[in-house]
Amino acid sequence: MSYSIFLLRFVDSEVVALDAERFRHVTEPYVVAGGPEEGFSQLRAEDGGEADLYHASHGESGMQCVTATHFARGEMLGVLAGLAAALGASIVPQDGGALIFDEKERRHLPVELQGNAVVIAPTEDALQAAFDAR
């Protein structure tokens, strides 16, 4: 799928750093190329579905965003949803409309994302349904 999503963690409408160690822990079983030090990871799920992740750290500000591109439907959607949940991040598709995992997260989103945000479970099926509803 040639479509991008952004994993962003918001606090009081501001983007805050993602936990790089948690990122490493969640993605490590799926990495087939690259890695956290390289700012790029190619992941592969058990069903063969892949995703390209871009996740550069910028000095003291840390890892601000994970961008997922060329990701497959199927198990990889579950991996991405699980990663976002583990990072405390919202999923922001390239065409807008944030996906959050708890209603309490809505107040932390920037105002322009709050109204259209959709609460989903951090699962493959829920993320697929959210994409299908677009």
C-alpha atoms as a PDB file:
ATOM      1  CA  MET A   1       0.000   0.000   0.000  1.00  0.00           C
ATOM      2  CA  SER A   2       1.601   3.323  -1.053  1.00  0.00           C
ATOM      3  CA  TYR A   3       0.160   5.438   1.700  1.00  0.00           C
ATOM      4  CA  SER A   4       1.782   7.109   4.691  1.00  0.00           C
ATOM      5  CA  ILE A   5       0.792   7.258   8.309  1.00  0.00           C
ATOM      6  CA  PHE A   6       2.534   9.164  11.061  1.00  0.00           C
ATOM      7  CA  LEU A   7       2.862   7.989  14.644  1.00  0.00           C
ATOM      8  CA  LEU A   8       2.944  11.116  16.777  1.00  0.00           C
ATOM      9  CA  ARG A   9       2.658  11.584  20.521  1.00  0.00           C
ATOM     10  CA  PHE A  10       0.867  14.749  21.587  1.00  0.00           C
ATOM     11  CA  VAL A  11       0.801  16.427  24.979  1.00  0.00           C
ATOM     12  CA  ASP A  12      -1.158  19.678  25.296  1.00  0.00           C
ATOM     13  CA  SER A  13      -1.361  19.996  21.480  1.00  0.00           C
ATOM     14  CA  GLU A  14       2.415  19.724  21.082  1.00  0.00           C
ATOM     15  CA  VAL A  15       4.406  16.865  19.555  1.00  0.00           C
ATOM     16  CA  VAL A  16       6.647  15.227  22.153  1.00  0.00           C
ATOM     17  CA  ALA A  17       9.391  12.646  21.740  1.00  0.00           C
ATOM     18  CA  LEU A  18       8.631   8.960  21.398  1.00  0.00           C
ATOM     19  CA  ASP A  19      10.414   6.414  23.588  1.00  0.00           C
ATOM     20  CA  ALA A  20      13.239   5.062  21.396  1.00  0.00           C
ATOM     21  CA  GLU A  21      13.840   2.029  23.628  1.00  0.00           C
ATOM     22  CA  ARG A  22      10.176   1.070  23.519  1.00  0.00           C
ATOM     23  CA  PHE A  23      10.283   1.534  19.724  1.00  0.00           C
ATOM     24  CA  ARG A  24      13.281  -0.806  19.539  1.00  0.00           C
ATOM     25  CA  HIS A  25      11.636  -3.381  21.810  1.00  0.00           C
ATOM     26  CA  VAL A  26       8.395  -3.518  19.791  1.00  0.00           C
ATOM     27  CA  THR A  27       9.939  -3.459  16.307  1.00  0.00           C
ATOM     28  CA  GLU A  28      12.982  -5.679  16.879  1.00  0.00           C
ATOM     29  CA  PRO A  29      11.203  -9.006  16.186  1.00  0.00           C
ATOM     30  CA  TYR A  30      10.046  -7.704  12.799  1.00  0.00           C
ATOM     31  CA  VAL A  31      13.144  -5.856  11.479  1.00  0.00           C
ATOM     32  CA  VAL A  32      14.601  -7.359   8.292  1.00  0.00           C
ATOM     33  CA  ALA A  33      16.677  -4.341   7.221  1.00  0.00           C
ATOM     34  CA  GLY A  34      17.934  -1.151   8.824  1.00  0.00           C
ATOM     35  CA  GLY A  35      17.323  -0.361  12.454  1.00  0.00           C
ATOM     36  CA  PRO A  36      16.933   2.456  14.968  1.00  0.00           C
ATOM     37  CA  GLU A  37      20.486   3.752  14.506  1.00  0.00           C
ATOM     38  CA  GLU A  38      19.952   4.081  10.762  1.00  0.00           C
ATOM     39  CA  GLY A  39      16.686   6.034  10.944  1.00  0.00           C
ATOM     40  CA  PHE A  40      15.004   3.464   8.692  1.00  0.00           C
ATOM     41  CA  SER A  41      13.616   0.014   9.415  1.00  0.00           C
ATOM     42  CA  GLN A  42      11.960  -2.419   7.085  1.00  0.00           C
ATOM     43  CA  LEU A  43       9.591  -4.686   8.990  1.00  0.00           C
ATOM     44  CA  ARG A  44       8.081  -8.024   8.004  1.00  0.00           C
ATOM     45  CA  ALA A  45       5.160  -9.667   9.823  1.00  0.00           C
ATOM     46  CA  GLU A  46       4.623 -13.412  10.071  1.00  0.00           C
ATOM     47  CA  ASP A  47       2.190 -13.364   7.127  1.00  0.00           C
ATOM     48  CA  GLY A  48       4.925 -11.795   4.932  1.00  0.00           C
ATOM     49  CA  GLY A  49       3.445  -8.283   4.959  1.00  0.00           C
ATOM     50  CA  GLU A  50       6.017  -5.519   5.115  1.00  0.00           C
ATOM     51  CA  ALA A  51       6.298  -1.864   6.051  1.00  0.00           C
ATOM     52  CA  ASP A  52       8.997   0.783   5.716  1.00  0.00           C
ATOM     53  CA  LEU A  53       9.473   2.934   8.813  1.00  0.00           C
ATOM     54  CA  TYR A  54      11.349   6.231   8.942  1.00  0.00           C
ATOM     55  CA  HIS A  55      12.241   7.308  12.471  1.00  0.00           C
ATOM     56  CA  ALA A  56      15.158   9.698  12.659  1.00  0.00           C
ATOM     57  CA  SER A  57      16.168  11.068  16.056  1.00  0.00           C
ATOM     58  CA  HIS A  58      17.182  14.686  16.235  1.00  0.00           C
ATOM     59  CA  GLY A  59      19.680  15.189  19.057  1.00  0.00           C
ATOM     60  CA  GLU A  60      18.237  16.039  22.440  1.00  0.00           C
ATOM     61  CA  SER A  61      14.701  16.354  21.064  1.00  0.00           C
ATOM     62  CA  GLY A  62      14.641  12.579  20.481  1.00  0.00           C
ATOM     63  CA  MET A  63      12.488  10.634  18.036  1.00  0.00           C
ATOM     64  CA  GLN A  64       9.659  13.012  17.143  1.00  0.00           C
ATOM     65  CA  CYS A  65       7.810  10.899  14.602  1.00  0.00           C
ATOM     66  CA  VAL A  66       7.646   7.485  13.014  1.00  0.00           C
ATOM     67  CA  THR A  67       6.462   7.500   9.418  1.00  0.00           C
ATOM     68  CA  ALA A  68       5.179   4.220   7.992  1.00  0.00           C
ATOM     69  CA  THR A  69       4.991   3.806   4.214  1.00  0.00           C
ATOM     70  CA  HIS A  70       4.472   0.922   1.795  1.00  0.00           C
ATOM     71  CA  PHE A  71       2.775  -1.101   4.499  1.00  0.00           C
ATOM     72  CA  ALA A  72       0.780  -4.221   3.819  1.00  0.00           C
ATOM     73  CA  ARG A  73      -2.692  -4.940   5.057  1.00  0.00           C
ATOM     74  CA  GLY A  74      -3.021  -7.924   7.325  1.00  0.00           C
ATOM     75  CA  GLU A  75      -0.771  -8.623  10.278  1.00  0.00           C
ATOM     76  CA  MET A  76       1.394  -5.561   9.607  1.00  0.00           C
ATOM     77  CA  LEU A  77      -1.556  -3.336  10.504  1.00  0.00           C
ATOM     78  CA  GLY A  78      -1.647  -5.062  13.891  1.00  0.00           C
ATOM     79  CA  VAL A  79       2.094  -4.470  14.310  1.00  0.00           C
ATOM     80  CA  LEU A  80       1.688  -0.770  13.495  1.00  0.00           C
ATOM     81  CA  ALA A  81      -1.332  -0.355  15.779  1.00  0.00           C
ATOM     82  CA  GLY A  82       0.517  -2.135  18.585  1.00  0.00           C
ATOM     83  CA  LEU A  83       3.580   0.044  18.046  1.00  0.00           C
ATOM     84  CA  ALA A  84       1.514   3.232  18.215  1.00  0.00           C
ATOM     85  CA  ALA A  85      -0.202   2.056  21.401  1.00  0.00           C
ATOM     86  CA  ALA A  86       3.109   1.071  23.014  1.00  0.00           C
ATOM     87  CA  LEU A  87       4.534   4.514  22.190  1.00  0.00           C
ATOM     88  CA  GLY A  88       1.455   6.345  23.464  1.00  0.00           C
ATOM     89  CA  ALA A  89       1.146   7.780  19.958  1.00  0.00           C
ATOM     90  CA  SER A  90      -1.777   8.721  17.778  1.00  0.00           C
ATOM     91  CA  ILE A  91      -1.929   7.443  14.212  1.00  0.00           C
ATOM     92  CA  VAL A  92      -2.285  10.352  11.809  1.00  0.00           C
ATOM     93  CA  PRO A  93      -2.926   9.255   8.206  1.00  0.00           C
ATOM     94  CA  GLN A  94      -1.551  11.429   5.407  1.00  0.00           C
ATOM     95  CA  ASP A  95      -5.063  12.610   4.606  1.00  0.00           C
ATOM     96  CA  GLY A  96      -5.745  13.732   8.189  1.00  0.00           C
ATOM     97  CA  GLY A  97      -8.153  12.529  10.850  1.00  0.00           C
ATOM     98  CA  ALA A  98      -6.229  11.168  13.834  1.00  0.00           C
ATOM     99  CA  LEU A  99      -6.830   7.678  15.193  1.00  0.00           C
ATOM    100  CA  ILE A 100      -6.517   7.463  18.974  1.00  0.00           C
ATOM    101  CA  PHE A 101      -6.824   4.564  21.426  1.00  0.00           C
ATOM    102  CA  ASP A 102      -8.610   6.299  24.290  1.00  0.00           C
ATOM    103  CA  GLU A 103     -11.012   9.231  24.414  1.00  0.00           C
ATOM    104  CA  LYS A 104      -8.738  10.901  26.994  1.00  0.00           C
ATOM    105  CA  GLU A 105      -6.136  11.404  24.247  1.00  0.00           C
ATOM    106  CA  ARG A 106      -8.413  13.723  22.244  1.00  0.00           C
ATOM    107  CA  ARG A 107      -7.723  16.724  24.502  1.00  0.00           C
ATOM    108  CA  HIS A 108      -3.988  16.415  23.791  1.00  0.00           C
ATOM    109  CA  LEU A 109      -4.396  16.593  20.018  1.00  0.00           C
ATOM    110  CA  PRO A 110      -3.939  19.884  18.185  1.00  0.00           C
ATOM    111  CA  VAL A 111      -7.311  21.627  17.822  1.00  0.00           C
ATOM    112  CA  GLU A 112      -7.451  20.912  14.079  1.00  0.00           C
ATOM    113  CA  LEU A 113      -7.283  17.138  14.743  1.00  0.00           C
ATOM    114  CA  GLN A 114      -9.628  16.926  17.735  1.00  0.00           C
ATOM    115  CA  GLY A 115     -12.985  17.102  15.955  1.00  0.00           C
ATOM    116  CA  ASN A 116     -12.382  14.324  13.440  1.00  0.00           C
ATOM    117  CA  ALA A 117     -10.370  11.998  15.689  1.00  0.00           C
ATOM    118  CA  VAL A 118     -11.706   8.445  15.903  1.00  0.00           C
ATOM    119  CA  VAL A 119     -11.162   6.142  18.874  1.00  0.00           C
ATOM    120  CA  ILE A 120     -10.107   2.630  17.829  1.00  0.00           C
ATOM    121  CA  ALA A 121      -8.725  -0.453  19.535  1.00  0.00           C
ATOM    122  CA  PRO A 122      -4.998  -1.055  18.900  1.00  0.00           C
ATOM    123  CA  THR A 123      -5.646  -4.054  16.668  1.00  0.00           C
ATOM    124  CA  GLU A 124      -5.244  -5.116  13.056  1.00  0.00           C
ATOM    125  CA  ASP A 125      -9.020  -5.317  12.513  1.00  0.00           C
ATOM    126  CA  ALA A 126      -9.752  -1.922  14.064  1.00  0.00           C
ATOM    127  CA  LEU A 127      -7.045  -0.172  12.055  1.00  0.00           C
ATOM    128  CA  GLN A 128      -8.237  -1.883   8.865  1.00  0.00           C
ATOM    129  CA  ALA A 129     -11.829  -0.799   9.576  1.00  0.00           C
ATOM    130  CA  ALA A 130     -10.689   2.785  10.161  1.00  0.00           C
ATOM    131  CA  PHE A 131      -8.884   2.806   6.797  1.00  0.00           C
ATOM    132  CA  ASP A 132     -11.864   1.222   5.051  1.00  0.00           C
ATOM    133  CA  ALA A 133     -14.155   3.918   6.491  1.00  0.00           C
ATOM    134  CA  ARG A 134     -12.120   6.703   4.845  1.00  0.00           C
END
